[in-house]
C-alpha atoms as a PDB file:
ATOM      1  CA  UNK A   1      22.340  24.577 -30.750  1.00  0.00           C
ATOM      2  CA  UNK A   2      21.030  28.067 -31.287  1.00  0.00           C
ATOM      3  CA  UNK A   3      17.355  27.550 -32.177  1.00  0.00           C
ATOM      4  CA  UNK A   4      14.594  24.941 -32.101  1.00  0.00           C
ATOM      5  CA  UNK A   5      11.524  25.525 -34.252  1.00  0.00           C
ATOM      6  CA  UNK A   6       8.418  23.502 -33.491  1.00  0.00           C
ATOM      7  CA  UNK A   7       4.736  23.202 -34.316  1.00  0.00           C
ATOM      8  CA  UNK A   8       2.052  22.504 -31.720  1.00  0.00           C
ATOM      9  CA  UNK A   9      -0.999  20.670 -33.082  1.00  0.00           C
ATOM     10  CA  UNK A  10      -4.357  22.240 -32.149  1.00  0.00           C
ATOM     11  CA  UNK A  11      -7.944  21.673 -33.308  1.00  0.00           C
ATOM     12  CA  UNK A  12      -7.579  24.704 -35.612  1.00  0.00           C
ATOM     13  CA  UNK A  13      -4.210  23.684 -37.093  1.00  0.00           C
ATOM     14  CA  UNK A  14      -0.544  23.759 -36.155  1.00  0.00           C
ATOM     15  CA  UNK A  15       0.813  26.745 -34.234  1.00  0.00           C
ATOM     16  CA  UNK A  16       4.487  27.631 -34.828  1.00  0.00           C
ATOM     17  CA  UNK A  17       6.906  28.401 -32.045  1.00  0.00           C
ATOM     18  CA  UNK A  18      10.608  28.617 -31.430  1.00  0.00           C
ATOM     19  CA  UNK A  19      13.186  28.573 -28.655  1.00  0.00           C
ATOM     20  CA  UNK A  20      16.439  30.510 -29.003  1.00  0.00           C
ATOM     21  CA  UNK A  21      19.374  29.513 -26.795  1.00  0.00           C
ATOM     22  CA  UNK A  22      22.148  31.935 -25.741  1.00  0.00           C
ATOM     23  CA  UNK A  23      24.786  32.719 -23.101  1.00  0.00           C
ATOM     24  CA  UNK A  24      26.359  29.258 -23.120  1.00  0.00           C
ATOM     25  CA  UNK A  25      28.630  28.432 -20.183  1.00  0.00           C
ATOM     26  CA  UNK A  26      30.592  25.377 -19.127  1.00  0.00           C
ATOM     27  CA  UNK A  27      28.814  23.190 -16.513  1.00  0.00           C
ATOM     28  CA  UNK A  28      30.602  19.980 -15.505  1.00  0.00           C
ATOM     29  CA  UNK A  29      32.369  19.908 -18.874  1.00  0.00           C
ATOM     30  CA  UNK A  30      29.175  20.493 -20.916  1.00  0.00           C
ATOM     31  CA  UNK A  31      28.157  23.751 -22.602  1.00  0.00           C
ATOM     32  CA  UNK A  32      24.717  24.749 -21.261  1.00  0.00           C
ATOM     33  CA  UNK A  33      22.544  27.739 -22.269  1.00  0.00           C
ATOM     34  CA  UNK A  34      21.872  30.160 -19.430  1.00  0.00           C
ATOM     35  CA  UNK A  35      19.302  32.103 -21.465  1.00  0.00           C
ATOM     36  CA  UNK A  36      16.326  30.726 -23.404  1.00  0.00           C
ATOM     37  CA  UNK A  37      13.952  32.951 -25.388  1.00  0.00           C
ATOM     38  CA  UNK A  38      10.586  31.262 -26.022  1.00  0.00           C
ATOM     39  CA  UNK A  39       8.434  32.671 -28.823  1.00  0.00           C
ATOM     40  CA  UNK A  40       4.934  31.736 -29.948  1.00  0.00           C
ATOM     41  CA  UNK A  41       2.412  33.482 -32.157  1.00  0.00           C
ATOM     42  CA  UNK A  42       0.932  35.095 -29.026  1.00  0.00           C
ATOM     43  CA  UNK A  43       3.851  35.769 -26.705  1.00  0.00           C
ATOM     44  CA  UNK A  44       7.613  36.004 -26.276  1.00  0.00           C
ATOM     45  CA  UNK A  45       9.446  35.683 -22.995  1.00  0.00           C
ATOM     46  CA  UNK A  46      13.004  35.041 -21.881  1.00  0.00           C
ATOM     47  CA  UNK A  47      14.157  32.661 -19.158  1.00  0.00           C
ATOM     48  CA  UNK A  48      17.528  33.564 -17.618  1.00  0.00           C
ATOM     49  CA  UNK A  49      19.315  31.146 -15.304  1.00  0.00           C
ATOM     50  CA  UNK A  50      21.918  32.157 -12.723  1.00  0.00           C
ATOM     51  CA  UNK A  51      22.848  28.566 -11.808  1.00  0.00           C
ATOM     52  CA  UNK A  52      22.602  25.228 -13.633  1.00  0.00           C
ATOM     53  CA  UNK A  53      23.445  21.926 -11.895  1.00  0.00           C
ATOM     54  CA  UNK A  54      23.608  18.494 -13.499  1.00  0.00           C
ATOM     55  CA  UNK A  55      22.762  15.167 -11.832  1.00  0.00           C
ATOM     56  CA  UNK A  56      21.670  16.793  -8.581  1.00  0.00           C
ATOM     57  CA  UNK A  57      20.268  14.235  -6.120  1.00  0.00           C
ATOM     58  CA  UNK A  58      16.506  14.457  -5.552  1.00  0.00           C
ATOM     59  CA  UNK A  59      14.874  12.952  -2.472  1.00  0.00           C
ATOM     60  CA  UNK A  60      12.387  10.163  -3.241  1.00  0.00           C
ATOM     61  CA  UNK A  61       9.810  12.011  -1.108  1.00  0.00           C
ATOM     62  CA  UNK A  62       9.568  14.645  -3.866  1.00  0.00           C
ATOM     63  CA  UNK A  63       7.818  12.039  -6.029  1.00  0.00           C
ATOM     64  CA  UNK A  64       5.109  11.123  -3.471  1.00  0.00           C
ATOM     65  CA  UNK A  65       1.537  11.837  -4.496  1.00  0.00           C
ATOM     66  CA  UNK A  66      -0.193  14.599  -2.511  1.00  0.00           C
ATOM     67  CA  UNK A  67      -2.481  13.437   0.295  1.00  0.00           C
ATOM     68  CA  UNK A  68      -5.576  15.021  -1.212  1.00  0.00           C
ATOM     69  CA  UNK A  69      -6.927  18.106  -2.914  1.00  0.00           C
ATOM     70  CA  UNK A  70      -5.962  21.440  -1.434  1.00  0.00           C
ATOM     71  CA  UNK A  71      -8.944  23.608  -0.588  1.00  0.00           C
ATOM     72  CA  UNK A  72      -8.973  27.170  -1.978  1.00  0.00           C
ATOM     73  CA  UNK A  73      -8.717  28.705   1.515  1.00  0.00           C
ATOM     74  CA  UNK A  74      -5.360  26.975   2.244  1.00  0.00           C
ATOM     75  CA  UNK A  75      -2.141  28.710   1.192  1.00  0.00           C
END
């Protein structure tokens, strides 16, 4: 896949956007893009990845809800 074009619905109509995929590399036998360029009518930026891992274990604690709101004076 090289490009995905999409439309985001808004109260003033649909806004077009696209994602361009590049720099494909083999990861666990699957070709994965290591660069994604995201374009909208207002902005364009590029995400570049140095490492991609598939099926990496995630601790269940990562899915716990926070204890409460964080106050603005806490880091």
